[in-house]
């Protein structure tokens, strides 16, 4: 299953407000603010941030071994 149809014209990125990339850019500050609120309310909460699939696989491997 693909999240984005590769046949979608490139101009949709510029014209469609809800294009997945534009949506991510638009909502990122909201999510960052929510995360900051959660961390302030729960100082002991562990947050794991990953920037790639590989980082996620490595982290999951370590968790599975623990």
C-alpha atoms as a PDB file:
ATOM      1  CA  UNK A   1       0.000   0.000   0.000  1.00  0.00           C
ATOM      2  CA  UNK A   2       1.385   3.383  -0.995  1.00  0.00           C
ATOM      3  CA  UNK A   3       0.675   6.545   0.935  1.00  0.00           C
ATOM      4  CA  UNK A   4       1.306   8.776  -2.066  1.00  0.00           C
ATOM      5  CA  UNK A   5       0.319   7.914  -5.624  1.00  0.00           C
ATOM      6  CA  UNK A   6       3.441   8.338  -7.818  1.00  0.00           C
ATOM      7  CA  UNK A   7       1.219   9.326 -10.742  1.00  0.00           C
ATOM      8  CA  UNK A   8       0.010  12.444  -8.932  1.00  0.00           C
ATOM      9  CA  UNK A   9       1.169  15.524 -10.844  1.00  0.00           C
ATOM     10  CA  UNK A  10       3.909  17.548  -9.191  1.00  0.00           C
ATOM     11  CA  UNK A  11       1.815  20.726  -9.328  1.00  0.00           C
ATOM     12  CA  UNK A  12      -0.522  19.155  -6.759  1.00  0.00           C
ATOM     13  CA  UNK A  13       2.260  19.620  -4.217  1.00  0.00           C
ATOM     14  CA  UNK A  14       2.036  23.364  -4.807  1.00  0.00           C
ATOM     15  CA  UNK A  15      -1.734  23.681  -5.104  1.00  0.00           C
ATOM     16  CA  UNK A  16      -3.173  21.076  -2.737  1.00  0.00           C
ATOM     17  CA  UNK A  17      -3.163  22.394   0.836  1.00  0.00           C
ATOM     18  CA  UNK A  18      -3.596  18.858   2.166  1.00  0.00           C
ATOM     19  CA  UNK A  19      -0.769  17.288   0.171  1.00  0.00           C
ATOM     20  CA  UNK A  20       1.052  15.004   2.635  1.00  0.00           C
ATOM     21  CA  UNK A  21       4.246  17.085   2.631  1.00  0.00           C
ATOM     22  CA  UNK A  22       2.440  20.408   3.015  1.00  0.00           C
ATOM     23  CA  UNK A  23       0.269  18.898   5.759  1.00  0.00           C
ATOM     24  CA  UNK A  24       3.389  17.731   7.619  1.00  0.00           C
ATOM     25  CA  UNK A  25       5.017  21.148   7.333  1.00  0.00           C
ATOM     26  CA  UNK A  26       1.819  22.846   8.496  1.00  0.00           C
ATOM     27  CA  UNK A  27       1.154  20.599  11.491  1.00  0.00           C
ATOM     28  CA  UNK A  28       4.731  20.103  12.737  1.00  0.00           C
ATOM     29  CA  UNK A  29       4.707  23.198  15.009  1.00  0.00           C
ATOM     30  CA  UNK A  30       1.420  22.035  16.557  1.00  0.00           C
ATOM     31  CA  UNK A  31       2.801  18.570  17.267  1.00  0.00           C
ATOM     32  CA  UNK A  32       6.045  20.020  18.648  1.00  0.00           C
ATOM     33  CA  UNK A  33       4.026  22.226  21.003  1.00  0.00           C
ATOM     34  CA  UNK A  34       1.921  19.295  22.164  1.00  0.00           C
ATOM     35  CA  UNK A  35       5.035  17.232  22.822  1.00  0.00           C
ATOM     36  CA  UNK A  36       6.567  20.060  24.866  1.00  0.00           C
ATOM     37  CA  UNK A  37       3.359  20.221  26.954  1.00  0.00           C
ATOM     38  CA  UNK A  38       3.403  16.457  27.574  1.00  0.00           C
ATOM     39  CA  UNK A  39       7.052  16.551  28.595  1.00  0.00           C
ATOM     40  CA  UNK A  40       6.414  19.445  30.983  1.00  0.00           C
ATOM     41  CA  UNK A  41       3.546  17.553  32.644  1.00  0.00           C
ATOM     42  CA  UNK A  42       5.400  14.226  32.744  1.00  0.00           C
ATOM     43  CA  UNK A  43       9.084  14.883  33.433  1.00  0.00           C
ATOM     44  CA  UNK A  44       9.843  11.157  33.688  1.00  0.00           C
ATOM     45  CA  UNK A  45       8.404  10.404  30.250  1.00  0.00           C
ATOM     46  CA  UNK A  46      10.932   8.924  27.848  1.00  0.00           C
ATOM     47  CA  UNK A  47      10.640  10.156  24.276  1.00  0.00           C
ATOM     48  CA  UNK A  48      12.517   8.337  21.531  1.00  0.00           C
ATOM     49  CA  UNK A  49      13.140  10.364  18.392  1.00  0.00           C
ATOM     50  CA  UNK A  50      14.176   8.664  15.187  1.00  0.00           C
ATOM     51  CA  UNK A  51      15.039  10.215  11.863  1.00  0.00           C
ATOM     52  CA  UNK A  52      15.094   7.131   9.671  1.00  0.00           C
ATOM     53  CA  UNK A  53      13.740   3.640   9.255  1.00  0.00           C
ATOM     54  CA  UNK A  54      17.191   2.303  10.053  1.00  0.00           C
ATOM     55  CA  UNK A  55      17.260   4.105  13.403  1.00  0.00           C
ATOM     56  CA  UNK A  56      13.846   2.612  14.185  1.00  0.00           C
ATOM     57  CA  UNK A  57      14.998  -0.919  13.302  1.00  0.00           C
ATOM     58  CA  UNK A  58      18.131  -0.559  15.439  1.00  0.00           C
ATOM     59  CA  UNK A  59      16.113   0.780  18.379  1.00  0.00           C
ATOM     60  CA  UNK A  60      13.516  -1.982  18.090  1.00  0.00           C
ATOM     61  CA  UNK A  61      16.296  -4.570  17.991  1.00  0.00           C
ATOM     62  CA  UNK A  62      17.736  -3.209  21.226  1.00  0.00           C
ATOM     63  CA  UNK A  63      14.326  -3.163  22.905  1.00  0.00           C
ATOM     64  CA  UNK A  64      13.656  -6.751  21.817  1.00  0.00           C
ATOM     65  CA  UNK A  65      16.968  -7.884  23.323  1.00  0.00           C
ATOM     66  CA  UNK A  66      16.311  -6.165  26.664  1.00  0.00           C
END
